[in-house]
Amino acid sequence: MISIDTPKIERAGTFTLGDRVIRRLGYGAMQLAGPHVFGPPRDRAAAVAVLREAVALGVTHIDTSDFYGPHVTNEIIREALHPYADDLTIVTKVGARRDEEGAWLPFFAPDELRSAVHDNLKRLGLEALDVVNFRAMFALTPTEGSIAEPVGVLADLKREGLVRHIGVSNVTAAQIAEARGVTEIVCVQNMYNLVHREDDALVDDLAKDGVAYVPFFPLGGFSPLQSSALSAVAVRLGATPMQVALAWLLRRSPNILLIPGTSSVAHLRENLAAAELDLSDAVMSELETVAA
């Protein structure tokens, strides 16, 4: 396992997200909530410690949402990090809500989106949100349907000074084009990893335009990918499969920003140490067999 006392995540490089320069290896706060991203964490002090350690190790990009918990992760972020460092960029998302049983439901009528933005502002303790992703919730996976109206609502909130930049999540290429016809889109957040490669062409197209691509579930989701080829590469490099999967994404395209999540300081250090892993062309070719 690649592990060092102080992971040098600056080796992963930087990317300009809107008007903010951030390190490409960031942190996703989803796992700070309770099981299934619902309710409070088992150990709130540990969740606070993870966030503080992430920032101490150089993370400048934290991904969150007020529907994680709901409200839980934003409240923990504020407790752990407010007042925020000048170089810290917090990216949140709207477009969904949780019911009393924890189900994920659409929440993107104009008044609902405005309410969600104000909830994120209040719980994070911010006057304006750095980046807000609109998560399209026609289904749990990208599904066609117009997103012009909800993106337009966020564009209005941007003009009002409550949102600085806008992104989209769980979207198709056609929806991205539609959103870009409404306002500037600085990032796209979709599921993508060594196996789930449906967005290969999209990643490359966005890179040409300087738009960030932020993959979630870098090792397959809540049921991690099991691959003999990936495991063999990891053993040979003295790394974990997750570290190799993260390093592959960093090498895949310079516009990819990573937000691996964890509720453990030790696991956080493991994830960030992926920046130390330099994959050769031969290893990248070998990893292509995982997708095949």
C-alpha atoms as a PDB file:
ATOM      1  CA  MET A   1       0.000   0.000   0.000  1.00  0.00           C
ATOM      2  CA  ILE A   2       1.337   3.421  -0.963  1.00  0.00           C
ATOM      3  CA  SER A   3       1.356   5.240   2.356  1.00  0.00           C
ATOM      4  CA  ILE A   4       3.389   8.203   3.543  1.00  0.00           C
ATOM      5  CA  ASP A   5       3.216  10.448   6.582  1.00  0.00           C
ATOM      6  CA  THR A   6       2.252  13.524   4.586  1.00  0.00           C
ATOM      7  CA  PRO A   7       0.671  12.747   1.195  1.00  0.00           C
ATOM      8  CA  LYS A   8       1.914  15.282  -1.335  1.00  0.00           C
ATOM      9  CA  ILE A   9      -1.347  15.765  -3.193  1.00  0.00           C
ATOM     10  CA  GLU A  10       0.045  18.723  -5.124  1.00  0.00           C
ATOM     11  CA  ARG A  11       1.721  16.116  -7.346  1.00  0.00           C
ATOM     12  CA  ALA A  12      -1.736  15.389  -8.754  1.00  0.00           C
ATOM     13  CA  GLY A  13      -1.728  18.881 -10.244  1.00  0.00           C
ATOM     14  CA  THR A  14      -4.270  21.688 -10.229  1.00  0.00           C
ATOM     15  CA  PHE A  15      -7.260  22.738 -12.308  1.00  0.00           C
ATOM     16  CA  THR A  16      -9.033  26.071 -12.709  1.00  0.00           C
ATOM     17  CA  LEU A  17     -12.670  25.580 -11.712  1.00  0.00           C
ATOM     18  CA  GLY A  18     -14.485  28.762 -12.638  1.00  0.00           C
ATOM     19  CA  ASP A  19     -12.269  31.423 -11.105  1.00  0.00           C
ATOM     20  CA  ARG A  20     -10.772  29.085  -8.484  1.00  0.00           C
ATOM     21  CA  VAL A  21      -7.548  27.116  -8.782  1.00  0.00           C
ATOM     22  CA  ILE A  22      -7.978  23.849  -6.899  1.00  0.00           C
ATOM     23  CA  ARG A  23      -5.961  20.682  -6.440  1.00  0.00           C
ATOM     24  CA  ARG A  24      -7.231  17.840  -8.583  1.00  0.00           C
ATOM     25  CA  LEU A  25      -7.361  15.419  -5.669  1.00  0.00           C
ATOM     26  CA  GLY A  26     -10.136  16.557  -3.341  1.00  0.00           C
ATOM     27  CA  TYR A  27     -12.568  15.076  -0.855  1.00  0.00           C
ATOM     28  CA  GLY A  28     -16.225  13.993  -1.067  1.00  0.00           C
ATOM     29  CA  ALA A  29     -18.192  14.442   2.164  1.00  0.00           C
ATOM     30  CA  MET A  30     -21.055  12.033   1.416  1.00  0.00           C
ATOM     31  CA  GLN A  31     -19.755   9.301   3.732  1.00  0.00           C
ATOM     32  CA  LEU A  32     -19.734  11.643   6.723  1.00  0.00           C
ATOM     33  CA  ALA A  33     -23.477  11.054   7.127  1.00  0.00           C
ATOM     34  CA  GLY A  34     -24.936   7.876   8.589  1.00  0.00           C
ATOM     35  CA  PRO A  35     -25.450   4.547   6.811  1.00  0.00           C
ATOM     36  CA  HIS A  36     -26.838   4.936   3.256  1.00  0.00           C
ATOM     37  CA  VAL A  37     -26.047   8.677   3.500  1.00  0.00           C
ATOM     38  CA  PHE A  38     -28.952   9.085   5.933  1.00  0.00           C
ATOM     39  CA  GLY A  39     -29.031  10.358   9.485  1.00  0.00           C
ATOM     40  CA  PRO A  40     -26.104  11.343  11.729  1.00  0.00           C
ATOM     41  CA  PRO A  41     -22.709   9.635  11.699  1.00  0.00           C
ATOM     42  CA  ARG A  42     -21.847   7.030  14.292  1.00  0.00           C
ATOM     43  CA  ASP A  43     -18.950   9.211  15.461  1.00  0.00           C
ATOM     44  CA  ARG A  44     -19.343  12.936  14.812  1.00  0.00           C
ATOM     45  CA  ALA A  45     -15.951  13.789  16.321  1.00  0.00           C
ATOM     46  CA  ALA A  46     -14.293  11.391  13.870  1.00  0.00           C
ATOM     47  CA  ALA A  47     -16.137  13.054  10.970  1.00  0.00           C
ATOM     48  CA  VAL A  48     -14.874  16.469  12.094  1.00  0.00           C
ATOM     49  CA  ALA A  49     -11.357  15.046  12.369  1.00  0.00           C
ATOM     50  CA  VAL A  50     -11.435  13.701   8.803  1.00  0.00           C
ATOM     51  CA  LEU A  51     -12.372  17.100   7.379  1.00  0.00           C
ATOM     52  CA  ARG A  52      -9.692  18.916   9.356  1.00  0.00           C
ATOM     53  CA  GLU A  53      -7.086  16.353   8.314  1.00  0.00           C
ATOM     54  CA  ALA A  54      -8.086  16.661   4.660  1.00  0.00           C
ATOM     55  CA  VAL A  55      -7.545  20.419   4.706  1.00  0.00           C
ATOM     56  CA  ALA A  56      -4.324  20.047   6.705  1.00  0.00           C
ATOM     57  CA  LEU A  57      -3.004  17.684   4.008  1.00  0.00           C
ATOM     58  CA  GLY A  58      -3.695  20.210   1.262  1.00  0.00           C
ATOM     59  CA  VAL A  59      -7.205  19.435   0.007  1.00  0.00           C
ATOM     60  CA  THR A  60      -8.735  22.572  -1.526  1.00  0.00           C
ATOM     61  CA  HIS A  61     -11.913  21.029  -3.017  1.00  0.00           C
ATOM     62  CA  ILE A  62     -14.701  19.558  -0.887  1.00  0.00           C
ATOM     63  CA  ASP A  63     -17.864  18.142  -2.449  1.00  0.00           C
ATOM     64  CA  THR A  64     -21.088  18.040  -0.443  1.00  0.00           C
ATOM     65  CA  SER A  65     -24.861  18.564  -0.535  1.00  0.00           C
ATOM     66  CA  ASP A  66     -27.547  19.554   1.918  1.00  0.00           C
ATOM     67  CA  PHE A  67     -29.468  16.398   0.953  1.00  0.00           C
ATOM     68  CA  TYR A  68     -26.680  14.251   2.432  1.00  0.00           C
ATOM     69  CA  GLY A  69     -28.131  13.305   5.777  1.00  0.00           C
ATOM     70  CA  PRO A  70     -30.130  15.443   5.015  1.00  0.00           C
ATOM     71  CA  HIS A  71     -28.302  18.505   6.340  1.00  0.00           C
ATOM     72  CA  VAL A  72     -25.753  16.398   8.241  1.00  0.00           C
ATOM     73  CA  THR A  73     -22.621  16.791   6.125  1.00  0.00           C
ATOM     74  CA  ASN A  74     -23.025  20.543   5.652  1.00  0.00           C
ATOM     75  CA  GLU A  75     -23.446  21.044   9.384  1.00  0.00           C
ATOM     76  CA  ILE A  76     -20.323  18.971  10.080  1.00  0.00           C
ATOM     77  CA  ILE A  77     -18.334  20.874   7.437  1.00  0.00           C
ATOM     78  CA  ARG A  78     -19.283  24.156   9.079  1.00  0.00           C
ATOM     79  CA  GLU A  79     -18.397  22.846  12.537  1.00  0.00           C
ATOM     80  CA  ALA A  80     -15.038  21.529  11.363  1.00  0.00           C
ATOM     81  CA  LEU A  81     -13.833  24.222   8.983  1.00  0.00           C
ATOM     82  CA  HIS A  82     -15.697  27.522   9.394  1.00  0.00           C
ATOM     83  CA  PRO A  83     -14.389  30.183   8.928  1.00  0.00           C
ATOM     84  CA  TYR A  84     -13.086  28.661   5.733  1.00  0.00           C
ATOM     85  CA  ALA A  85      -9.581  29.040   4.352  1.00  0.00           C
ATOM     86  CA  ASP A  86      -9.363  31.428   1.401  1.00  0.00           C
ATOM     87  CA  ASP A  87      -8.165  28.666  -0.928  1.00  0.00           C
ATOM     88  CA  LEU A  88     -10.938  26.189  -0.025  1.00  0.00           C
ATOM     89  CA  THR A  89     -13.629  25.622  -2.656  1.00  0.00           C
ATOM     90  CA  ILE A  90     -16.860  23.975  -1.502  1.00  0.00           C
ATOM     91  CA  VAL A  91     -18.992  22.446  -4.242  1.00  0.00           C
ATOM     92  CA  THR A  92     -22.570  21.502  -3.418  1.00  0.00           C
ATOM     93  CA  LYS A  93     -25.526  20.165  -5.372  1.00  0.00           C
ATOM     94  CA  VAL A  94     -29.283  20.587  -5.550  1.00  0.00           C
ATOM     95  CA  GLY A  95     -32.108  18.822  -7.359  1.00  0.00           C
ATOM     96  CA  ALA A  96     -32.930  16.000  -4.937  1.00  0.00           C
ATOM     97  CA  ARG A  97     -34.344  15.506  -1.468  1.00  0.00           C
ATOM     98  CA  ARG A  98     -34.710  12.681   1.054  1.00  0.00           C
ATOM     99  CA  ASP A  99     -37.989  11.509   2.512  1.00  0.00           C
ATOM    100  CA  GLU A 100     -38.503  10.189   6.049  1.00  0.00           C
ATOM    101  CA  GLU A 101     -37.335   6.709   5.009  1.00  0.00           C
ATOM    102  CA  GLY A 102     -34.246   8.019   3.228  1.00  0.00           C
ATOM    103  CA  ALA A 103     -35.438   7.596  -0.363  1.00  0.00           C
ATOM    104  CA  TRP A 104     -33.897   9.865  -3.027  1.00  0.00           C
ATOM    105  CA  LEU A 105     -36.582  11.968  -4.696  1.00  0.00           C
ATOM    106  CA  PRO A 106     -36.626  14.738  -7.337  1.00  0.00           C
ATOM    107  CA  PHE A 107     -36.659  18.283  -5.969  1.00  0.00           C
ATOM    108  CA  PHE A 108     -36.161  20.711  -8.822  1.00  0.00           C
ATOM    109  CA  ALA A 109     -39.188  22.921  -9.232  1.00  0.00           C
ATOM    110  CA  PRO A 110     -38.049  26.579  -9.261  1.00  0.00           C
ATOM    111  CA  ASP A 111     -39.136  27.275  -5.677  1.00  0.00           C
ATOM    112  CA  GLU A 112     -37.571  23.998  -4.530  1.00  0.00           C
ATOM    113  CA  LEU A 113     -34.217  24.873  -6.091  1.00  0.00           C
ATOM    114  CA  ARG A 114     -34.242  28.335  -4.527  1.00  0.00           C
ATOM    115  CA  SER A 115     -35.046  26.802  -1.153  1.00  0.00           C
ATOM    116  CA  ALA A 116     -32.230  24.252  -1.554  1.00  0.00           C
ATOM    117  CA  VAL A 117     -29.664  26.936  -2.386  1.00  0.00           C
ATOM    118  CA  HIS A 118     -30.688  28.953   0.681  1.00  0.00           C
ATOM    119  CA  ASP A 119     -30.509  25.804   2.853  1.00  0.00           C
ATOM    120  CA  ASN A 120     -26.958  25.115   1.634  1.00  0.00           C
ATOM    121  CA  LEU A 121     -25.961  28.725   2.301  1.00  0.00           C
ATOM    122  CA  LYS A 122     -27.400  28.672   5.805  1.00  0.00           C
ATOM    123  CA  ARG A 123     -25.968  25.351   6.934  1.00  0.00           C
ATOM    124  CA  LEU A 124     -22.536  25.948   5.409  1.00  0.00           C
ATOM    125  CA  GLY A 125     -22.427  29.497   6.783  1.00  0.00           C
ATOM    126  CA  LEU A 126     -21.745  31.136   3.420  1.00  0.00           C
ATOM    127  CA  GLU A 127     -22.992  34.261   1.688  1.00  0.00           C
ATOM    128  CA  ALA A 128     -22.454  32.722  -1.758  1.00  0.00           C
ATOM    129  CA  LEU A 129     -21.851  29.155  -2.950  1.00  0.00           C
ATOM    130  CA  ASP A 130     -18.638  28.578  -4.931  1.00  0.00           C
ATOM    131  CA  VAL A 131     -20.173  25.980  -7.255  1.00  0.00           C
ATOM    132  CA  VAL A 132     -23.668  24.468  -7.338  1.00  0.00           C
ATOM    133  CA  ASN A 133     -24.279  21.324  -9.363  1.00  0.00           C
ATOM    134  CA  PHE A 134     -27.795  20.689 -10.604  1.00  0.00           C
ATOM    135  CA  ARG A 135     -28.395  16.958 -10.192  1.00  0.00           C
ATOM    136  CA  ALA A 136     -30.899  15.718 -12.752  1.00  0.00           C
ATOM    137  CA  MET A 137     -33.228  13.294 -10.988  1.00  0.00           C
ATOM    138  CA  PHE A 138     -35.371  11.937 -13.827  1.00  0.00           C
ATOM    139  CA  ALA A 139     -33.913   8.593 -12.681  1.00  0.00           C
ATOM    140  CA  LEU A 140     -30.962   7.384 -10.601  1.00  0.00           C
ATOM    141  CA  THR A 141     -28.851   7.170 -13.769  1.00  0.00           C
ATOM    142  CA  PRO A 142     -28.577   9.734 -16.601  1.00  0.00           C
ATOM    143  CA  THR A 143     -31.916   9.907 -18.414  1.00  0.00           C
ATOM    144  CA  GLU A 144     -32.959  12.304 -21.155  1.00  0.00           C
ATOM    145  CA  GLY A 145     -35.272  15.190 -20.282  1.00  0.00           C
ATOM    146  CA  SER A 146     -35.016  18.958 -20.487  1.00  0.00           C
ATOM    147  CA  ILE A 147     -32.977  20.650 -17.752  1.00  0.00           C
ATOM    148  CA  ALA A 148     -33.190  24.170 -19.202  1.00  0.00           C
ATOM    149  CA  GLU A 149     -35.625  25.449 -16.574  1.00  0.00           C
ATOM    150  CA  PRO A 150     -33.749  24.290 -13.445  1.00  0.00           C
ATOM    151  CA  VAL A 151     -30.413  25.411 -14.851  1.00  0.00           C
ATOM    152  CA  GLY A 152     -32.055  28.739 -15.656  1.00  0.00           C
ATOM    153  CA  VAL A 153     -33.123  29.075 -12.014  1.00  0.00           C
ATOM    154  CA  LEU A 154     -29.508  28.579 -10.928  1.00  0.00           C
ATOM    155  CA  ALA A 155     -28.416  31.124 -13.542  1.00  0.00           C
ATOM    156  CA  ASP A 156     -30.847  33.613 -11.965  1.00  0.00           C
ATOM    157  CA  LEU A 157     -29.376  32.892  -8.530  1.00  0.00           C
ATOM    158  CA  LYS A 158     -25.913  33.439 -10.005  1.00  0.00           C
ATOM    159  CA  ARG A 159     -26.993  36.867 -11.261  1.00  0.00           C
ATOM    160  CA  GLU A 160     -28.312  37.579  -7.759  1.00  0.00           C
ATOM    161  CA  GLY A 161     -24.874  36.806  -6.308  1.00  0.00           C
ATOM    162  CA  LEU A 162     -25.891  33.700  -4.332  1.00  0.00           C
ATOM    163  CA  VAL A 163     -24.101  31.265  -6.688  1.00  0.00           C
ATOM    164  CA  ARG A 164     -20.707  31.888  -8.293  1.00  0.00           C
ATOM    165  CA  HIS A 165     -20.531  28.969 -10.719  1.00  0.00           C
ATOM    166  CA  ILE A 166     -22.822  26.218 -11.997  1.00  0.00           C
ATOM    167  CA  GLY A 167     -22.289  22.562 -12.815  1.00  0.00           C
ATOM    168  CA  VAL A 168     -24.507  19.597 -13.710  1.00  0.00           C
ATOM    169  CA  SER A 169     -24.657  16.030 -12.429  1.00  0.00           C
ATOM    170  CA  ASN A 170     -26.176  12.698 -13.504  1.00  0.00           C
ATOM    171  CA  VAL A 171     -26.595  14.026 -17.026  1.00  0.00           C
ATOM    172  CA  THR A 172     -26.330  13.030 -20.679  1.00  0.00           C
ATOM    173  CA  ALA A 173     -24.267  14.776 -23.350  1.00  0.00           C
ATOM    174  CA  ALA A 174     -27.446  16.312 -24.782  1.00  0.00           C
ATOM    175  CA  GLN A 175     -28.401  17.735 -21.385  1.00  0.00           C
ATOM    176  CA  ILE A 176     -24.931  19.213 -20.958  1.00  0.00           C
ATOM    177  CA  ALA A 177     -25.240  20.940 -24.334  1.00  0.00           C
ATOM    178  CA  GLU A 178     -28.657  22.250 -23.348  1.00  0.00           C
ATOM    179  CA  ALA A 179     -27.326  23.573 -20.023  1.00  0.00           C
ATOM    180  CA  ARG A 180     -24.393  25.271 -21.737  1.00  0.00           C
ATOM    181  CA  GLY A 181     -26.878  27.051 -23.948  1.00  0.00           C
ATOM    182  CA  VAL A 182     -28.415  28.577 -20.817  1.00  0.00           C
ATOM    183  CA  THR A 183     -25.308  29.537 -18.825  1.00  0.00           C
ATOM    184  CA  GLU A 184     -21.621  28.729 -18.382  1.00  0.00           C
ATOM    185  CA  ILE A 185     -21.113  25.212 -17.013  1.00  0.00           C
ATOM    186  CA  VAL A 186     -17.818  24.696 -15.168  1.00  0.00           C
ATOM    187  CA  CYS A 187     -18.098  21.025 -14.226  1.00  0.00           C
ATOM    188  CA  VAL A 188     -19.926  17.767 -14.904  1.00  0.00           C
ATOM    189  CA  GLN A 189     -20.332  15.132 -12.204  1.00  0.00           C
ATOM    190  CA  ASN A 190     -21.226  11.629 -13.404  1.00  0.00           C
ATOM    191  CA  MET A 191     -20.435   8.040 -12.536  1.00  0.00           C
ATOM    192  CA  TYR A 192     -17.182   7.018 -14.199  1.00  0.00           C
ATOM    193  CA  ASN A 193     -14.346   4.627 -13.372  1.00  0.00           C
ATOM    194  CA  LEU A 194     -12.191   1.880 -14.841  1.00  0.00           C
ATOM    195  CA  VAL A 195     -15.250  -0.199 -15.731  1.00  0.00           C
ATOM    196  CA  HIS A 196     -18.041   2.334 -16.217  1.00  0.00           C
ATOM    197  CA  ARG A 197     -16.657   4.057 -19.310  1.00  0.00           C
ATOM    198  CA  GLU A 198     -19.818   5.307 -21.008  1.00  0.00           C
ATOM    199  CA  ASP A 199     -18.548   8.895 -20.685  1.00  0.00           C
ATOM    200  CA  ASP A 200     -15.172   8.309 -22.376  1.00  0.00           C
ATOM    201  CA  ALA A 201     -15.911  10.604 -25.314  1.00  0.00           C
ATOM    202  CA  LEU A 202     -17.593  13.146 -23.054  1.00  0.00           C
ATOM    203  CA  VAL A 203     -14.513  13.384 -20.816  1.00  0.00           C
ATOM    204  CA  ASP A 204     -12.364  14.183 -23.846  1.00  0.00           C
ATOM    205  CA  ASP A 205     -14.831  16.698 -25.305  1.00  0.00           C
ATOM    206  CA  LEU A 206     -15.099  18.563 -21.995  1.00  0.00           C
ATOM    207  CA  ALA A 207     -11.301  18.607 -21.643  1.00  0.00           C
ATOM    208  CA  LYS A 208     -11.034  20.450 -24.964  1.00  0.00           C
ATOM    209  CA  ASP A 209     -13.346  23.147 -23.579  1.00  0.00           C
ATOM    210  CA  GLY A 210     -11.655  23.393 -20.177  1.00  0.00           C
ATOM    211  CA  VAL A 211     -14.683  21.983 -18.333  1.00  0.00           C
ATOM    212  CA  ALA A 212     -14.009  19.809 -15.288  1.00  0.00           C
ATOM    213  CA  TYR A 213     -15.245  16.228 -15.142  1.00  0.00           C
ATOM    214  CA  VAL A 214     -15.794  14.935 -11.603  1.00  0.00           C
ATOM    215  CA  PRO A 215     -16.361  11.167 -11.425  1.00  0.00           C
ATOM    216  CA  PHE A 216     -18.139   9.598  -8.511  1.00  0.00           C
ATOM    217  CA  PHE A 217     -17.851   5.965  -7.416  1.00  0.00           C
ATOM    218  CA  PRO A 218     -14.200   5.656  -8.577  1.00  0.00           C
ATOM    219  CA  LEU A 219     -14.094   1.973  -7.648  1.00  0.00           C
ATOM    220  CA  GLY A 220     -17.539   0.890  -8.779  1.00  0.00           C
ATOM    221  CA  GLY A 221     -19.938   2.220  -6.135  1.00  0.00           C
ATOM    222  CA  PHE A 222     -21.266   0.794  -2.889  1.00  0.00           C
ATOM    223  CA  SER A 223     -20.296  -2.681  -4.137  1.00  0.00           C
ATOM    224  CA  PRO A 224     -16.605  -2.228  -5.007  1.00  0.00           C
ATOM    225  CA  LEU A 225     -15.270  -3.575  -8.269  1.00  0.00           C
ATOM    226  CA  GLN A 226     -13.620  -6.967  -8.040  1.00  0.00           C
ATOM    227  CA  SER A 227     -11.006  -7.372 -10.773  1.00  0.00           C
ATOM    228  CA  SER A 228      -8.080  -9.768 -10.899  1.00  0.00           C
ATOM    229  CA  ALA A 229      -6.283  -7.470 -13.354  1.00  0.00           C
ATOM    230  CA  LEU A 230      -6.676  -4.443 -11.070  1.00  0.00           C
ATOM    231  CA  SER A 231      -5.636  -6.451  -8.020  1.00  0.00           C
ATOM    232  CA  ALA A 232      -2.554  -7.786  -9.824  1.00  0.00           C
ATOM    233  CA  VAL A 233      -1.438  -4.273 -10.788  1.00  0.00           C
ATOM    234  CA  ALA A 234      -2.024  -3.051  -7.233  1.00  0.00           C
ATOM    235  CA  VAL A 235       0.040  -5.866  -5.698  1.00  0.00           C
ATOM    236  CA  ARG A 236       2.881  -5.279  -8.142  1.00  0.00           C
ATOM    237  CA  LEU A 237       2.949  -1.539  -7.396  1.00  0.00           C
ATOM    238  CA  GLY A 238       2.615  -1.988  -3.648  1.00  0.00           C
ATOM    239  CA  ALA A 239      -0.658  -0.080  -3.664  1.00  0.00           C
ATOM    240  CA  THR A 240      -4.327  -0.737  -2.941  1.00  0.00           C
ATOM    241  CA  PRO A 241      -6.844  -1.263  -5.764  1.00  0.00           C
ATOM    242  CA  MET A 242      -8.490   2.036  -4.793  1.00  0.00           C
ATOM    243  CA  GLN A 243      -5.165   3.883  -5.069  1.00  0.00           C
ATOM    244  CA  VAL A 244      -4.597   2.417  -8.537  1.00  0.00           C
ATOM    245  CA  ALA A 245      -8.162   3.297  -9.605  1.00  0.00           C
ATOM    246  CA  LEU A 246      -7.679   6.890  -8.426  1.00  0.00           C
ATOM    247  CA  ALA A 247      -4.267   7.161 -10.084  1.00  0.00           C
ATOM    248  CA  TRP A 248      -5.770   5.848 -13.338  1.00  0.00           C
ATOM    249  CA  LEU A 249      -8.399   8.598 -13.247  1.00  0.00           C
ATOM    250  CA  LEU A 250      -5.758  11.270 -12.609  1.00  0.00           C
ATOM    251  CA  ARG A 251      -3.753   9.996 -15.576  1.00  0.00           C
ATOM    252  CA  ARG A 252      -6.848   9.516 -17.768  1.00  0.00           C
ATOM    253  CA  SER A 253      -7.415  13.232 -18.458  1.00  0.00           C
ATOM    254  CA  PRO A 254      -6.169  16.522 -16.975  1.00  0.00           C
ATOM    255  CA  ASN A 255      -9.719  17.835 -16.492  1.00  0.00           C
ATOM    256  CA  ILE A 256     -10.691  15.010 -14.123  1.00  0.00           C
ATOM    257  CA  LEU A 257     -11.101  16.116 -10.502  1.00  0.00           C
ATOM    258  CA  LEU A 258     -11.332  13.432  -7.825  1.00  0.00           C
ATOM    259  CA  ILE A 259     -13.528  13.497  -4.723  1.00  0.00           C
ATOM    260  CA  PRO A 260     -12.994  10.124  -2.973  1.00  0.00           C
ATOM    261  CA  GLY A 261     -14.897   9.977   0.279  1.00  0.00           C
ATOM    262  CA  THR A 262     -14.277   8.265   3.592  1.00  0.00           C
ATOM    263  CA  SER A 263     -15.120   8.627   7.267  1.00  0.00           C
ATOM    264  CA  SER A 264     -11.667   7.407   8.366  1.00  0.00           C
ATOM    265  CA  VAL A 265      -8.496   9.487   8.714  1.00  0.00           C
ATOM    266  CA  ALA A 266      -6.363   6.442   7.837  1.00  0.00           C
ATOM    267  CA  HIS A 267      -8.392   5.770   4.688  1.00  0.00           C
ATOM    268  CA  LEU A 268      -8.259   9.461   3.794  1.00  0.00           C
ATOM    269  CA  ARG A 269      -4.454   9.316   3.882  1.00  0.00           C
ATOM    270  CA  GLU A 270      -4.521   6.199   1.711  1.00  0.00           C
ATOM    271  CA  ASN A 271      -6.704   7.916  -0.868  1.00  0.00           C
ATOM    272  CA  LEU A 272      -4.621  11.078  -0.990  1.00  0.00           C
ATOM    273  CA  ALA A 273      -1.424   9.055  -1.302  1.00  0.00           C
ATOM    274  CA  ALA A 274      -2.687   7.956  -4.729  1.00  0.00           C
ATOM    275  CA  ALA A 275      -1.111  11.191  -5.977  1.00  0.00           C
ATOM    276  CA  GLU A 276       2.266   9.529  -5.359  1.00  0.00           C
ATOM    277  CA  LEU A 277       1.462   6.673  -7.739  1.00  0.00           C
ATOM    278  CA  ASP A 278       2.902   7.212 -11.227  1.00  0.00           C
ATOM    279  CA  LEU A 279       1.335   4.792 -13.701  1.00  0.00           C
ATOM    280  CA  SER A 280       3.436   3.934 -16.746  1.00  0.00           C
ATOM    281  CA  ASP A 281       2.043   3.656 -20.255  1.00  0.00           C
ATOM    282  CA  ALA A 282       2.365  -0.121 -19.956  1.00  0.00           C
ATOM    283  CA  VAL A 283       0.319  -0.181 -16.757  1.00  0.00           C
ATOM    284  CA  MET A 284      -2.332   2.090 -18.301  1.00  0.00           C
ATOM    285  CA  SER A 285      -2.628  -0.341 -21.213  1.00  0.00           C
ATOM    286  CA  GLU A 286      -2.873  -3.278 -18.815  1.00  0.00           C
ATOM    287  CA  LEU A 287      -5.685  -1.562 -16.934  1.00  0.00           C
ATOM    288  CA  GLU A 288      -7.658  -1.182 -20.145  1.00  0.00           C
ATOM    289  CA  THR A 289      -8.338  -4.928 -19.859  1.00  0.00           C
ATOM    290  CA  VAL A 290     -10.439  -4.223 -16.759  1.00  0.00           C
ATOM    291  CA  ALA A 291     -12.975  -2.346 -18.835  1.00  0.00           C
ATOM    292  CA  ALA A 292     -12.844  -4.944 -21.590  1.00  0.00           C
END
